[in-house]
Amino acid sequence: MTKELIIGEINEIISDYGSFSVGEVEADCSPCVNTMGSFVALAEEFREDEATIEIYNPSSFSSDSMSDYIMAYNDMEVKTLQEILELAKRYKDNQI
């Protein structure tokens, strides 16, 4: 499946059922967008065309995000988008 098709399917679900977060679908983990040394960037909130990315330092023993930013789905790798699509499908099933 191409990046454009995956993004289209994610956006369609969000358009129909609203934005959601990983907590709402009780995900085991958030999709990883990037790692930088001991820092990890995780996609945690999903809207049409974009997601909120939270940055964590797992070695700090804190579950609090250090920072966040918005990232467009177009800027994400296909593997990450596939994980987001699976979460979106789970969200849709929960809404139905």
N, C-alpha and C. Protein backbone atom coordinates (compact mmCIF):
# COMPACT_ATOMS: atom_id res chain seq x y z
N MET A 1 0.86 -1.18 0.00
CA MET A 1 0.00 0.00 0.00
C MET A 1 0.90 1.24 0.00
N THR A 2 0.57 2.21 -0.84
CA THR A 2 1.40 3.41 -0.94
C THR A 2 1.12 4.37 0.22
N LYS A 3 2.06 5.27 0.43
CA LYS A 3 1.95 6.27 1.49
C LYS A 3 0.65 7.08 1.33
N GLU A 4 0.36 7.46 0.09
CA GLU A 4 -0.83 8.28 -0.16
C GLU A 4 -2.12 7.54 0.19
N LEU A 5 -2.18 6.26 -0.13
CA LEU A 5 -3.37 5.47 0.19
C LEU A 5 -3.53 5.31 1.70
N ILE A 6 -2.42 5.07 2.39
CA ILE A 6 -2.48 4.92 3.85
C ILE A 6 -2.96 6.22 4.49
N ILE A 7 -2.37 7.33 4.07
CA ILE A 7 -2.77 8.64 4.62
C ILE A 7 -4.24 8.90 4.32
N GLY A 8 -4.68 8.59 3.12
CA GLY A 8 -6.09 8.78 2.76
C GLY A 8 -7.02 7.99 3.66
N GLU A 9 -6.64 6.76 3.96
CA GLU A 9 -7.48 5.92 4.82
C GLU A 9 -7.50 6.45 6.26
N ILE A 10 -6.34 6.88 6.76
CA ILE A 10 -6.28 7.47 8.10
C ILE A 10 -7.17 8.70 8.16
N ASN A 11 -7.02 9.59 7.17
CA ASN A 11 -7.81 10.82 7.15
C ASN A 11 -9.30 10.55 7.04
N GLU A 12 -9.69 9.55 6.28
CA GLU A 12 -11.10 9.21 6.13
C GLU A 12 -11.70 8.77 7.47
N ILE A 13 -10.97 7.94 8.20
CA ILE A 13 -11.46 7.48 9.51
C ILE A 13 -11.58 8.66 10.46
N ILE A 14 -10.57 9.53 10.47
CA ILE A 14 -10.61 10.68 11.37
C ILE A 14 -11.71 11.66 10.97
N SER A 15 -11.93 11.82 9.68
CA SER A 15 -13.00 12.69 9.20
C SER A 15 -14.36 12.18 9.66
N ASP A 16 -14.53 10.85 9.62
CA ASP A 16 -15.80 10.24 10.00
C ASP A 16 -16.01 10.15 11.52
N TYR A 17 -14.93 9.89 12.27
CA TYR A 17 -15.09 9.58 13.70
C TYR A 17 -14.37 10.54 14.64
N GLY A 18 -13.62 11.49 14.10
CA GLY A 18 -12.94 12.48 14.93
C GLY A 18 -11.51 12.09 15.27
N SER A 19 -10.78 13.07 15.79
CA SER A 19 -9.39 12.84 16.16
C SER A 19 -9.34 11.94 17.40
N PHE A 20 -8.18 11.34 17.64
CA PHE A 20 -8.05 10.41 18.76
C PHE A 20 -6.60 10.37 19.22
N SER A 21 -6.39 9.74 20.37
CA SER A 21 -5.05 9.57 20.91
C SER A 21 -4.79 8.10 21.17
N VAL A 22 -3.53 7.76 21.42
CA VAL A 22 -3.19 6.36 21.69
C VAL A 22 -3.91 5.86 22.94
N GLY A 23 -4.15 6.74 23.90
CA GLY A 23 -4.84 6.35 25.12
C GLY A 23 -6.27 5.92 24.88
N GLU A 24 -6.92 6.52 23.91
CA GLU A 24 -8.31 6.19 23.61
C GLU A 24 -8.47 4.81 22.99
N VAL A 25 -7.43 4.30 22.37
CA VAL A 25 -7.50 2.97 21.77
C VAL A 25 -6.73 1.95 22.60
N GLU A 26 -6.28 2.38 23.77
CA GLU A 26 -5.54 1.51 24.69
C GLU A 26 -4.42 0.77 23.98
N ALA A 27 -3.62 1.53 23.22
CA ALA A 27 -2.50 0.96 22.49
C ALA A 27 -1.41 0.49 23.46
N ASP A 28 -0.75 -0.59 23.11
CA ASP A 28 0.36 -1.09 23.92
C ASP A 28 1.53 -0.11 23.90
N CYS A 29 1.72 0.55 22.76
CA CYS A 29 2.78 1.55 22.65
C CYS A 29 2.41 2.52 21.53
N SER A 30 3.07 3.67 21.55
CA SER A 30 2.85 4.68 20.53
C SER A 30 3.78 4.42 19.35
N PRO A 31 3.34 4.76 18.13
CA PRO A 31 4.23 4.60 16.98
C PRO A 31 5.47 5.50 17.12
N CYS A 32 6.63 4.92 16.89
CA CYS A 32 7.89 5.65 17.00
C CYS A 32 8.16 6.38 15.69
N VAL A 33 8.41 7.68 15.81
CA VAL A 33 8.71 8.50 14.64
C VAL A 33 10.22 8.64 14.45
N ASN A 34 10.95 8.72 15.58
CA ASN A 34 12.39 8.93 15.50
C ASN A 34 13.03 8.63 16.85
N THR A 35 14.30 8.28 16.82
CA THR A 35 15.09 8.17 18.03
C THR A 35 16.34 9.01 17.84
N MET A 36 16.77 9.64 18.92
CA MET A 36 17.96 10.49 18.89
C MET A 36 18.75 10.22 20.17
N GLY A 37 19.70 9.31 20.10
CA GLY A 37 20.42 8.93 21.30
C GLY A 37 19.46 8.29 22.28
N SER A 38 19.37 8.88 23.48
CA SER A 38 18.45 8.33 24.47
C SER A 38 17.04 8.93 24.37
N PHE A 39 16.83 9.83 23.42
CA PHE A 39 15.52 10.45 23.24
C PHE A 39 14.70 9.67 22.22
N VAL A 40 13.40 9.66 22.43
CA VAL A 40 12.50 8.97 21.50
C VAL A 40 11.32 9.89 21.21
N ALA A 41 10.92 9.93 19.92
CA ALA A 41 9.78 10.76 19.50
C ALA A 41 8.64 9.82 19.11
N LEU A 42 7.51 9.96 19.80
CA LEU A 42 6.37 9.06 19.61
C LEU A 42 5.14 9.83 19.15
N ALA A 43 4.44 9.28 18.17
CA ALA A 43 3.17 9.86 17.70
C ALA A 43 2.09 9.45 18.68
N GLU A 44 1.39 10.45 19.26
CA GLU A 44 0.42 10.12 20.31
C GLU A 44 -0.98 10.67 20.10
N GLU A 45 -1.13 11.72 19.32
CA GLU A 45 -2.46 12.27 19.03
C GLU A 45 -2.58 12.43 17.52
N PHE A 46 -3.74 12.04 17.00
CA PHE A 46 -3.91 11.97 15.56
C PHE A 46 -5.10 12.81 15.09
N ARG A 47 -4.83 13.66 14.10
CA ARG A 47 -5.84 14.50 13.47
C ARG A 47 -5.71 14.32 11.95
N GLU A 48 -6.60 14.91 11.21
CA GLU A 48 -6.48 14.84 9.75
C GLU A 48 -5.15 15.49 9.33
N ASP A 49 -4.40 14.79 8.53
CA ASP A 49 -3.14 15.25 7.92
C ASP A 49 -1.95 15.37 8.85
N GLU A 50 -2.13 15.22 10.19
CA GLU A 50 -1.01 15.45 11.09
C GLU A 50 -1.19 14.75 12.43
N ALA A 51 -0.07 14.64 13.14
CA ALA A 51 -0.09 14.03 14.46
C ALA A 51 0.76 14.88 15.41
N THR A 52 0.45 14.78 16.69
CA THR A 52 1.28 15.40 17.72
C THR A 52 2.34 14.39 18.12
N ILE A 53 3.58 14.83 18.09
CA ILE A 53 4.71 13.99 18.43
C ILE A 53 5.22 14.44 19.80
N GLU A 54 5.33 13.51 20.72
CA GLU A 54 5.84 13.78 22.06
C GLU A 54 7.26 13.23 22.15
N ILE A 55 8.16 14.01 22.76
CA ILE A 55 9.55 13.59 22.92
C ILE A 55 9.78 13.18 24.37
N TYR A 56 10.35 11.99 24.53
CA TYR A 56 10.62 11.44 25.86
C TYR A 56 12.10 11.09 25.99
N ASN A 57 12.55 11.09 27.23
CA ASN A 57 13.89 10.59 27.56
C ASN A 57 13.68 9.41 28.50
N PRO A 58 13.63 8.19 27.95
CA PRO A 58 13.34 7.02 28.78
C PRO A 58 14.32 6.83 29.93
N SER A 59 15.53 7.32 29.78
CA SER A 59 16.52 7.14 30.85
C SER A 59 16.31 8.09 32.02
N SER A 60 15.36 9.03 31.89
CA SER A 60 15.11 9.98 32.97
C SER A 60 14.15 9.42 34.02
N PHE A 61 13.57 8.24 33.78
CA PHE A 61 12.62 7.59 34.69
C PHE A 61 11.36 8.42 34.89
N SER A 62 11.06 9.30 33.96
CA SER A 62 9.84 10.11 34.02
C SER A 62 8.96 9.72 32.85
N SER A 63 7.66 9.64 33.10
CA SER A 63 6.74 9.34 32.02
C SER A 63 6.21 10.61 31.37
N ASP A 64 6.74 11.77 31.78
CA ASP A 64 6.31 13.05 31.23
C ASP A 64 7.09 13.38 29.96
N SER A 65 6.38 13.92 29.00
CA SER A 65 7.00 14.37 27.76
C SER A 65 7.87 15.59 28.04
N MET A 66 9.01 15.66 27.35
CA MET A 66 9.91 16.81 27.49
C MET A 66 9.47 17.95 26.59
N SER A 67 8.90 17.60 25.45
CA SER A 67 8.50 18.59 24.46
C SER A 67 7.56 17.91 23.47
N ASP A 68 6.93 18.70 22.62
CA ASP A 68 6.09 18.12 21.56
C ASP A 68 6.13 19.01 20.34
N TYR A 69 5.72 18.46 19.22
CA TYR A 69 5.62 19.21 17.98
C TYR A 69 4.61 18.51 17.07
N ILE A 70 4.19 19.19 16.03
CA ILE A 70 3.24 18.66 15.05
C ILE A 70 4.03 18.16 13.84
N MET A 71 3.64 16.99 13.35
CA MET A 71 4.30 16.43 12.17
C MET A 71 3.24 15.98 11.17
N ALA A 72 3.42 16.35 9.92
CA ALA A 72 2.50 15.94 8.86
C ALA A 72 2.71 14.47 8.53
N TYR A 73 1.63 13.78 8.20
CA TYR A 73 1.73 12.38 7.82
C TYR A 73 2.65 12.20 6.61
N ASN A 74 2.67 13.16 5.70
CA ASN A 74 3.54 13.09 4.52
C ASN A 74 5.01 12.98 4.89
N ASP A 75 5.38 13.47 6.06
CA ASP A 75 6.78 13.46 6.50
C ASP A 75 7.14 12.19 7.27
N MET A 76 6.20 11.27 7.42
CA MET A 76 6.44 10.04 8.17
C MET A 76 6.76 8.88 7.24
N GLU A 77 7.45 7.90 7.78
CA GLU A 77 7.77 6.69 7.03
C GLU A 77 6.53 5.80 6.90
N VAL A 78 6.51 4.98 5.87
CA VAL A 78 5.36 4.10 5.61
C VAL A 78 5.11 3.18 6.80
N LYS A 79 6.15 2.64 7.40
CA LYS A 79 5.98 1.73 8.54
C LYS A 79 5.23 2.43 9.68
N THR A 80 5.59 3.67 9.97
CA THR A 80 4.92 4.44 11.02
C THR A 80 3.47 4.69 10.65
N LEU A 81 3.23 5.03 9.39
CA LEU A 81 1.86 5.27 8.94
C LEU A 81 1.00 4.02 9.03
N GLN A 82 1.59 2.86 8.75
CA GLN A 82 0.85 1.61 8.87
C GLN A 82 0.44 1.36 10.32
N GLU A 83 1.32 1.70 11.26
CA GLU A 83 0.98 1.55 12.68
C GLU A 83 -0.15 2.51 13.05
N ILE A 84 -0.10 3.73 12.54
CA ILE A 84 -1.15 4.71 12.83
C ILE A 84 -2.47 4.24 12.22
N LEU A 85 -2.42 3.69 11.02
CA LEU A 85 -3.64 3.18 10.38
C LEU A 85 -4.26 2.07 11.22
N GLU A 86 -3.46 1.19 11.76
CA GLU A 86 -3.99 0.12 12.62
C GLU A 86 -4.67 0.71 13.85
N LEU A 87 -4.08 1.75 14.44
CA LEU A 87 -4.70 2.41 15.59
C LEU A 87 -6.01 3.09 15.17
N ALA A 88 -6.01 3.71 13.98
CA ALA A 88 -7.21 4.38 13.49
C ALA A 88 -8.34 3.36 13.26
N LYS A 89 -7.99 2.20 12.73
CA LYS A 89 -9.00 1.15 12.52
C LYS A 89 -9.56 0.67 13.86
N ARG A 90 -8.70 0.56 14.86
CA ARG A 90 -9.15 0.17 16.19
C ARG A 90 -10.08 1.24 16.76
N TYR A 91 -9.72 2.52 16.55
CA TYR A 91 -10.57 3.62 17.01
C TYR A 91 -11.93 3.57 16.34
N LYS A 92 -11.94 3.34 15.02
CA LYS A 92 -13.20 3.23 14.27
C LYS A 92 -14.05 2.11 14.84
N ASP A 93 -13.45 0.94 15.07
CA ASP A 93 -14.20 -0.19 15.63
C ASP A 93 -14.80 0.15 16.99
N ASN A 94 -14.05 0.88 17.80
CA ASN A 94 -14.55 1.28 19.13
C ASN A 94 -15.73 2.25 19.01
N GLN A 95 -15.71 3.06 17.97
CA GLN A 95 -16.78 4.07 17.79
C GLN A 95 -18.06 3.44 17.24
N ILE A 96 -17.91 2.35 16.53
CA ILE A 96 -19.08 1.69 15.91
C ILE A 96 -19.79 0.91 16.93
